[in-house]
Amino acid sequence: MTELTISKRLKKIANYLPSDAYFADIGSDHAYLPVYVCKQNETARAIAGELNVGPYQSAVEQVRKWNLADRIEVRLGDGLSILSPAEVEQIVIAGMGGSLITTILDNGKDKLQRVSRIIAQPNINARNVRKWFYQNGYYLVDECIMEEDGYHYEIVIAEKTERELHLSEKEYYLGPLILKNKNQPFYTKWSQVLHKKQNILEQMKQANEPNGKKIMQFEKEIHWLKEELG
């Protein structure tokens, strides 16, 4: 059988799962990640969750194709509702907006009893995800920013803690661990964002009724970006 080919993004996410993972992949996109992880590690198990029937059926076929139905279960349902309480130890939610990711986590808090690690890859608003972690007993143990096919992705990994922890607003926005290890994708992505924000700020200032609060937020973020981009 031919080798499974997955994106660099999914391979990077897979690296943050332990070899004996029992994880749920929410919005599993053909179950590529569960299949890849379970092919790499014979002790790994997974639940692939899909909201819509079409992607659900595609995921079922993918699992059958690789003869992994004994270790990967595909379930149809909304977010974490597909899980029983205390069922899995890790959760992956990738390829969605940060606000949707936090909504899924909020709505499924009762399913997180055994979940020691959450791996999220928000397409936008990673800040929201970091804030959710720190407001709900998780702290960042790793994070990265990477580029693939012209797109930039932030991956944030959090583990459960009993301690009260907080970040600064700047750290929520840009990522405390990413700021300590700034790479080329960091400079490329945030240089583009800085340029866009500066243009939008000028337009906002010229509006008939400028939104003072929004202008202040943009000015703050532009200041942070200039600080970090040098």
C-alpha atoms as a PDB file:
ATOM      1  CA  MET A   1       0.000   0.000   0.000  1.00  0.00           C
ATOM      2  CA  THR A   2       1.288   3.481  -0.832  1.00  0.00           C
ATOM      3  CA  GLU A   3       2.567   5.673   1.977  1.00  0.00           C
ATOM      4  CA  LEU A   4       0.173   8.184   3.540  1.00  0.00           C
ATOM      5  CA  THR A   5       1.075  11.746   2.559  1.00  0.00           C
ATOM      6  CA  ILE A   6       0.009  14.513   4.917  1.00  0.00           C
ATOM      7  CA  SER A   7       0.859  18.198   5.213  1.00  0.00           C
ATOM      8  CA  LYS A   8       3.817  19.593   7.132  1.00  0.00           C
ATOM      9  CA  ARG A   9       1.271  21.265   9.406  1.00  0.00           C
ATOM     10  CA  LEU A  10      -0.316  17.947  10.427  1.00  0.00           C
ATOM     11  CA  LYS A  11       3.092  16.285  10.853  1.00  0.00           C
ATOM     12  CA  LYS A  12       4.083  19.103  13.183  1.00  0.00           C
ATOM     13  CA  ILE A  13       0.889  18.611  15.212  1.00  0.00           C
ATOM     14  CA  ALA A  14       1.538  14.844  15.348  1.00  0.00           C
ATOM     15  CA  ASN A  15       4.943  15.518  16.922  1.00  0.00           C
ATOM     16  CA  TYR A  16       3.202  17.022  19.960  1.00  0.00           C
ATOM     17  CA  LEU A  17       1.311  13.788  20.719  1.00  0.00           C
ATOM     18  CA  PRO A  18       2.899  11.064  22.894  1.00  0.00           C
ATOM     19  CA  SER A  19       3.609   7.690  21.291  1.00  0.00           C
ATOM     20  CA  ASP A  20       0.877   6.025  23.380  1.00  0.00           C
ATOM     21  CA  ALA A  21      -1.655   8.793  22.730  1.00  0.00           C
ATOM     22  CA  TYR A  22      -5.389   8.258  23.101  1.00  0.00           C
ATOM     23  CA  PHE A  23      -6.677  11.441  21.518  1.00  0.00           C
ATOM     24  CA  ALA A  24      -9.698  13.025  19.897  1.00  0.00           C
ATOM     25  CA  ASP A  25      -9.220  14.902  16.637  1.00  0.00           C
ATOM     26  CA  ILE A  26     -12.127  17.328  16.334  1.00  0.00           C
ATOM     27  CA  GLY A  27     -12.939  18.306  12.753  1.00  0.00           C
ATOM     28  CA  SER A  28     -10.703  15.515  11.566  1.00  0.00           C
ATOM     29  CA  ASP A  29     -10.530  16.262   7.805  1.00  0.00           C
ATOM     30  CA  HIS A  30     -10.569  12.714   6.339  1.00  0.00           C
ATOM     31  CA  ALA A  31      -8.953  11.377   9.551  1.00  0.00           C
ATOM     32  CA  TYR A  32      -5.509  12.079   8.086  1.00  0.00           C
ATOM     33  CA  LEU A  33      -3.954  12.937  11.459  1.00  0.00           C
ATOM     34  CA  PRO A  34      -5.334   9.910  13.378  1.00  0.00           C
ATOM     35  CA  VAL A  35      -4.283   7.571  10.569  1.00  0.00           C
ATOM     36  CA  TYR A  36      -0.787   9.063  10.403  1.00  0.00           C
ATOM     37  CA  VAL A  37      -0.303   8.933  14.187  1.00  0.00           C
ATOM     38  CA  CYS A  38      -1.595   5.362  14.487  1.00  0.00           C
ATOM     39  CA  LYS A  39       0.592   4.194  11.596  1.00  0.00           C
ATOM     40  CA  GLN A  40       3.635   5.766  13.266  1.00  0.00           C
ATOM     41  CA  ASN A  41       2.873   4.396  16.746  1.00  0.00           C
ATOM     42  CA  GLU A  42       1.355   0.967  17.294  1.00  0.00           C
ATOM     43  CA  THR A  43       0.071   1.845  20.766  1.00  0.00           C
ATOM     44  CA  ALA A  44      -1.721   5.051  19.712  1.00  0.00           C
ATOM     45  CA  ARG A  45      -5.530   5.216  19.522  1.00  0.00           C
ATOM     46  CA  ALA A  46      -7.832   7.955  18.310  1.00  0.00           C
ATOM     47  CA  ILE A  47     -11.382   9.209  17.913  1.00  0.00           C
ATOM     48  CA  ALA A  48     -12.000  11.242  14.773  1.00  0.00           C
ATOM     49  CA  GLY A  49     -14.913  13.645  15.099  1.00  0.00           C
ATOM     50  CA  GLU A  50     -16.819  15.140  12.171  1.00  0.00           C
ATOM     51  CA  LEU A  51     -19.820  17.463  12.213  1.00  0.00           C
ATOM     52  CA  ASN A  52     -21.161  16.715   8.705  1.00  0.00           C
ATOM     53  CA  VAL A  53     -22.073  13.425   7.023  1.00  0.00           C
ATOM     54  CA  GLY A  54     -19.842  13.856   3.938  1.00  0.00           C
ATOM     55  CA  PRO A  55     -16.563  14.372   5.842  1.00  0.00           C
ATOM     56  CA  TYR A  56     -17.629  11.673   8.320  1.00  0.00           C
ATOM     57  CA  GLN A  57     -18.008   9.121   5.510  1.00  0.00           C
ATOM     58  CA  SER A  58     -14.676  10.180   3.998  1.00  0.00           C
ATOM     59  CA  ALA A  59     -12.997   9.658   7.368  1.00  0.00           C
ATOM     60  CA  VAL A  60     -14.591   6.209   7.755  1.00  0.00           C
ATOM     61  CA  GLU A  61     -13.273   5.224   4.314  1.00  0.00           C
ATOM     62  CA  GLN A  62      -9.802   6.501   5.135  1.00  0.00           C
ATOM     63  CA  VAL A  63      -9.657   4.463   8.341  1.00  0.00           C
ATOM     64  CA  ARG A  64     -10.868   1.332   6.502  1.00  0.00           C
ATOM     65  CA  LYS A  65      -8.330   1.876   3.720  1.00  0.00           C
ATOM     66  CA  TRP A  66      -5.465   1.686   6.221  1.00  0.00           C
ATOM     67  CA  ASN A  67      -7.006  -1.177   8.266  1.00  0.00           C
ATOM     68  CA  LEU A  68      -7.094   0.889  11.445  1.00  0.00           C
ATOM     69  CA  ALA A  69     -10.722   0.484  12.498  1.00  0.00           C
ATOM     70  CA  ASP A  70      -9.578  -1.353  15.648  1.00  0.00           C
ATOM     71  CA  ARG A  71      -7.700   1.747  16.852  1.00  0.00           C
ATOM     72  CA  ILE A  72      -9.517   4.699  15.245  1.00  0.00           C
ATOM     73  CA  GLU A  73     -13.222   5.280  15.776  1.00  0.00           C
ATOM     74  CA  VAL A  74     -14.942   7.865  13.581  1.00  0.00           C
ATOM     75  CA  ARG A  75     -17.913   9.608  15.208  1.00  0.00           C
ATOM     76  CA  LEU A  76     -20.506  12.008  13.833  1.00  0.00           C
ATOM     77  CA  GLY A  77     -21.384  14.965  16.043  1.00  0.00           C
ATOM     78  CA  ASP A  78     -20.731  18.520  17.153  1.00  0.00           C
ATOM     79  CA  GLY A  79     -17.411  19.288  18.830  1.00  0.00           C
ATOM     80  CA  LEU A  80     -16.673  17.423  22.051  1.00  0.00           C
ATOM     81  CA  SER A  81     -20.243  16.101  22.278  1.00  0.00           C
ATOM     82  CA  ILE A  82     -18.965  12.953  20.527  1.00  0.00           C
ATOM     83  CA  LEU A  83     -16.924  12.070  23.636  1.00  0.00           C
ATOM     84  CA  SER A  84     -17.837  10.500  26.934  1.00  0.00           C
ATOM     85  CA  PRO A  85     -16.546  12.244  30.071  1.00  0.00           C
ATOM     86  CA  ALA A  86     -12.956  11.236  30.908  1.00  0.00           C
ATOM     87  CA  GLU A  87     -12.646   9.242  27.674  1.00  0.00           C
ATOM     88  CA  VAL A  88      -9.492  10.634  26.025  1.00  0.00           C
ATOM     89  CA  GLU A  89      -6.193  12.044  27.278  1.00  0.00           C
ATOM     90  CA  GLN A  90      -5.372  14.493  24.493  1.00  0.00           C
ATOM     91  CA  ILE A  91      -7.464  16.673  22.201  1.00  0.00           C
ATOM     92  CA  VAL A  92      -6.509  18.180  18.847  1.00  0.00           C
ATOM     93  CA  ILE A  93      -8.571  20.986  17.299  1.00  0.00           C
ATOM     94  CA  ALA A  94      -6.924  22.287  14.132  1.00  0.00           C
ATOM     95  CA  GLY A  95      -7.798  24.350  11.092  1.00  0.00           C
ATOM     96  CA  MET A  96     -10.570  26.514  12.600  1.00  0.00           C
ATOM     97  CA  GLY A  97     -10.810  30.076  13.863  1.00  0.00           C
ATOM     98  CA  GLY A  98      -9.746  30.754  17.433  1.00  0.00           C
ATOM     99  CA  SER A  99     -13.250  31.825  18.467  1.00  0.00           C
ATOM    100  CA  LEU A 100     -14.743  28.559  17.195  1.00  0.00           C
ATOM    101  CA  ILE A 101     -12.050  26.532  18.967  1.00  0.00           C
ATOM    102  CA  THR A 102     -12.805  28.245  22.287  1.00  0.00           C
ATOM    103  CA  THR A 103     -16.556  27.746  21.770  1.00  0.00           C
ATOM    104  CA  ILE A 104     -15.967  24.003  21.210  1.00  0.00           C
ATOM    105  CA  LEU A 105     -13.855  23.809  24.379  1.00  0.00           C
ATOM    106  CA  ASP A 106     -16.369  25.847  26.405  1.00  0.00           C
ATOM    107  CA  ASN A 107     -19.285  23.687  25.301  1.00  0.00           C
ATOM    108  CA  GLY A 108     -17.371  20.500  26.097  1.00  0.00           C
ATOM    109  CA  LYS A 109     -15.779  21.327  29.459  1.00  0.00           C
ATOM    110  CA  ASP A 110     -17.404  18.266  31.032  1.00  0.00           C
ATOM    111  CA  LYS A 111     -15.394  16.066  28.603  1.00  0.00           C
ATOM    112  CA  LEU A 112     -11.998  17.391  29.716  1.00  0.00           C
ATOM    113  CA  GLN A 113     -11.652  15.486  33.006  1.00  0.00           C
ATOM    114  CA  ARG A 114      -8.815  13.252  31.792  1.00  0.00           C
ATOM    115  CA  VAL A 115      -7.473  15.590  29.120  1.00  0.00           C
ATOM    116  CA  SER A 116      -3.910  16.441  30.126  1.00  0.00           C
ATOM    117  CA  ARG A 117      -2.925  18.056  26.803  1.00  0.00           C
ATOM    118  CA  ILE A 118      -4.758  20.173  24.238  1.00  0.00           C
ATOM    119  CA  ILE A 119      -3.192  20.951  20.860  1.00  0.00           C
ATOM    120  CA  ALA A 120      -4.852  23.762  18.936  1.00  0.00           C
ATOM    121  CA  GLN A 121      -4.032  25.211  15.529  1.00  0.00           C
ATOM    122  CA  PRO A 122      -6.200  28.295  15.076  1.00  0.00           C
ATOM    123  CA  ASN A 123      -6.235  29.826  11.601  1.00  0.00           C
ATOM    124  CA  ILE A 124      -6.927  33.224  13.183  1.00  0.00           C
ATOM    125  CA  ASN A 125      -7.222  34.636  16.714  1.00  0.00           C
ATOM    126  CA  ALA A 126      -4.645  32.460  18.461  1.00  0.00           C
ATOM    127  CA  ARG A 127      -4.907  35.085  21.212  1.00  0.00           C
ATOM    128  CA  ASN A 128      -8.421  33.837  22.066  1.00  0.00           C
ATOM    129  CA  VAL A 129      -7.160  30.279  22.427  1.00  0.00           C
ATOM    130  CA  ARG A 130      -4.266  31.255  24.707  1.00  0.00           C
ATOM    131  CA  LYS A 131      -6.645  33.256  26.901  1.00  0.00           C
ATOM    132  CA  TRP A 132      -9.052  30.322  27.127  1.00  0.00           C
ATOM    133  CA  PHE A 133      -6.225  28.032  28.250  1.00  0.00           C
ATOM    134  CA  TYR A 134      -5.115  30.356  31.024  1.00  0.00           C
ATOM    135  CA  GLN A 135      -8.656  31.028  32.185  1.00  0.00           C
ATOM    136  CA  ASN A 136      -9.483  27.307  32.351  1.00  0.00           C
ATOM    137  CA  GLY A 137      -6.571  25.650  34.137  1.00  0.00           C
ATOM    138  CA  TYR A 138      -4.187  25.000  31.222  1.00  0.00           C
ATOM    139  CA  TYR A 139      -0.809  26.568  30.540  1.00  0.00           C
ATOM    140  CA  LEU A 140       1.352  26.714  27.413  1.00  0.00           C
ATOM    141  CA  VAL A 141       4.114  24.123  27.281  1.00  0.00           C
ATOM    142  CA  ASP A 142       5.041  24.736  23.653  1.00  0.00           C
ATOM    143  CA  GLU A 143       3.978  26.732  20.622  1.00  0.00           C
ATOM    144  CA  CYS A 144       5.311  27.432  17.169  1.00  0.00           C
ATOM    145  CA  ILE A 145       4.671  29.436  14.040  1.00  0.00           C
ATOM    146  CA  MET A 146       5.303  27.806  10.667  1.00  0.00           C
ATOM    147  CA  GLU A 147       4.740  28.443   6.966  1.00  0.00           C
ATOM    148  CA  GLU A 148       3.381  26.052   4.363  1.00  0.00           C
ATOM    149  CA  ASP A 149       2.283  26.846   0.804  1.00  0.00           C
ATOM    150  CA  GLY A 150       2.224  30.567   1.491  1.00  0.00           C
ATOM    151  CA  TYR A 151       0.126  30.317   4.667  1.00  0.00           C
ATOM    152  CA  HIS A 152       1.290  30.895   8.236  1.00  0.00           C
ATOM    153  CA  TYR A 153       0.075  28.641  11.031  1.00  0.00           C
ATOM    154  CA  GLU A 154       0.351  28.980  14.801  1.00  0.00           C
ATOM    155  CA  ILE A 155       0.228  25.782  16.851  1.00  0.00           C
ATOM    156  CA  VAL A 156      -0.315  26.115  20.610  1.00  0.00           C
ATOM    157  CA  ILE A 157       0.067  23.246  23.070  1.00  0.00           C
ATOM    158  CA  ALA A 158      -1.248  23.427  26.614  1.00  0.00           C
ATOM    159  CA  GLU A 159      -1.284  21.105  29.623  1.00  0.00           C
ATOM    160  CA  LYS A 160      -3.424  21.044  32.736  1.00  0.00           C
ATOM    161  CA  THR A 161      -2.191  22.844  35.837  1.00  0.00           C
ATOM    162  CA  GLU A 162      -3.490  23.644  39.313  1.00  0.00           C
ATOM    163  CA  ARG A 163      -1.592  26.936  39.427  1.00  0.00           C
ATOM    164  CA  GLU A 164      -3.065  30.375  38.747  1.00  0.00           C
ATOM    165  CA  LEU A 165      -1.170  31.640  35.708  1.00  0.00           C
ATOM    166  CA  HIS A 166      -1.579  34.670  33.478  1.00  0.00           C
ATOM    167  CA  LEU A 167       0.141  36.270  30.513  1.00  0.00           C
ATOM    168  CA  SER A 168       0.458  39.896  29.468  1.00  0.00           C
ATOM    169  CA  GLU A 169      -1.843  41.125  26.687  1.00  0.00           C
ATOM    170  CA  LYS A 170       1.155  41.215  24.366  1.00  0.00           C
ATOM    171  CA  GLU A 171       1.982  37.580  25.180  1.00  0.00           C
ATOM    172  CA  TYR A 172      -1.608  36.495  24.564  1.00  0.00           C
ATOM    173  CA  TYR A 173      -1.435  38.236  21.188  1.00  0.00           C
ATOM    174  CA  LEU A 174       1.946  37.034  19.924  1.00  0.00           C
ATOM    175  CA  GLY A 175       2.662  33.967  22.078  1.00  0.00           C
ATOM    176  CA  PRO A 176       5.143  33.986  25.006  1.00  0.00           C
ATOM    177  CA  LEU A 177       7.144  31.000  23.741  1.00  0.00           C
ATOM    178  CA  ILE A 178       7.054  32.147  20.116  1.00  0.00           C
ATOM    179  CA  LEU A 179       8.479  35.509  21.264  1.00  0.00           C
ATOM    180  CA  LYS A 180      11.417  33.686  22.864  1.00  0.00           C
ATOM    181  CA  ASN A 181      12.195  31.787  19.649  1.00  0.00           C
ATOM    182  CA  LYS A 182      11.346  34.138  16.785  1.00  0.00           C
ATOM    183  CA  ASN A 183      11.907  32.425  13.430  1.00  0.00           C
ATOM    184  CA  GLN A 184      11.595  33.540   9.819  1.00  0.00           C
ATOM    185  CA  PRO A 185       7.857  32.720   9.574  1.00  0.00           C
ATOM    186  CA  PHE A 186       7.326  34.975  12.623  1.00  0.00           C
ATOM    187  CA  TYR A 187       8.996  37.915  10.904  1.00  0.00           C
ATOM    188  CA  THR A 188       7.253  37.266   7.587  1.00  0.00           C
ATOM    189  CA  LYS A 189       3.754  36.889   9.038  1.00  0.00           C
ATOM    190  CA  TRP A 190       3.860  39.771  11.475  1.00  0.00           C
ATOM    191  CA  SER A 191       5.552  42.151   9.022  1.00  0.00           C
ATOM    192  CA  GLN A 192       2.575  41.591   6.716  1.00  0.00           C
ATOM    193  CA  VAL A 193       0.135  42.080   9.590  1.00  0.00           C
ATOM    194  CA  LEU A 194       1.911  45.284  10.674  1.00  0.00           C
ATOM    195  CA  HIS A 195       1.627  46.755   7.182  1.00  0.00           C
ATOM    196  CA  LYS A 196      -2.109  45.925   7.008  1.00  0.00           C
ATOM    197  CA  LYS A 197      -2.784  47.295  10.486  1.00  0.00           C
ATOM    198  CA  GLN A 198      -1.036  50.570   9.692  1.00  0.00           C
ATOM    199  CA  ASN A 199      -3.189  51.010   6.573  1.00  0.00           C
ATOM    200  CA  ILE A 200      -6.404  50.141   8.429  1.00  0.00           C
ATOM    201  CA  LEU A 201      -5.488  52.499  11.277  1.00  0.00           C
ATOM    202  CA  GLU A 202      -5.138  55.417   8.854  1.00  0.00           C
ATOM    203  CA  GLN A 203      -8.561  54.623   7.362  1.00  0.00           C
ATOM    204  CA  MET A 204     -10.148  54.391  10.828  1.00  0.00           C
ATOM    205  CA  LYS A 205      -8.742  57.775  11.826  1.00  0.00           C
ATOM    206  CA  GLN A 206     -10.276  59.350   8.714  1.00  0.00           C
ATOM    207  CA  ALA A 207     -13.758  57.945   9.371  1.00  0.00           C
ATOM    208  CA  ASN A 208     -16.615  60.381  10.040  1.00  0.00           C
ATOM    209  CA  GLU A 209     -17.065  58.869  13.495  1.00  0.00           C
ATOM    210  CA  PRO A 210     -13.737  57.284  14.518  1.00  0.00           C
ATOM    211  CA  ASN A 211     -13.956  54.335  16.919  1.00  0.00           C
ATOM    212  CA  GLY A 212     -11.598  55.532  19.662  1.00  0.00           C
ATOM    213  CA  LYS A 213     -11.442  52.179  21.474  1.00  0.00           C
ATOM    214  CA  LYS A 214     -10.598  50.247  18.298  1.00  0.00           C
ATOM    215  CA  ILE A 215      -8.010  52.855  17.288  1.00  0.00           C
ATOM    216  CA  MET A 216      -6.308  52.513  20.684  1.00  0.00           C
ATOM    217  CA  GLN A 217      -6.211  48.718  20.336  1.00  0.00           C
ATOM    218  CA  PHE A 218      -4.677  48.953  16.861  1.00  0.00           C
ATOM    219  CA  GLU A 219      -2.098  51.471  18.073  1.00  0.00           C
ATOM    220  CA  LYS A 220      -1.174  49.152  20.947  1.00  0.00           C
ATOM    221  CA  GLU A 221      -0.765  46.142  18.628  1.00  0.00           C
ATOM    222  CA  ILE A 222       1.262  48.169  16.111  1.00  0.00           C
ATOM    223  CA  HIS A 223       3.548  49.255  18.956  1.00  0.00           C
ATOM    224  CA  TRP A 224       4.045  45.626  20.052  1.00  0.00           C
ATOM    225  CA  LEU A 225       4.818  44.546  16.484  1.00  0.00           C
ATOM    226  CA  LYS A 226       7.344  47.318  15.943  1.00  0.00           C
ATOM    227  CA  GLU A 227       9.027  46.352  19.226  1.00  0.00           C
ATOM    228  CA  GLU A 228       9.334  42.682  18.246  1.00  0.00           C
ATOM    229  CA  LEU A 229      10.169  43.157  14.556  1.00  0.00           C
ATOM    230  CA  GLY A 230      12.902  45.665  15.323  1.00  0.00           C
END
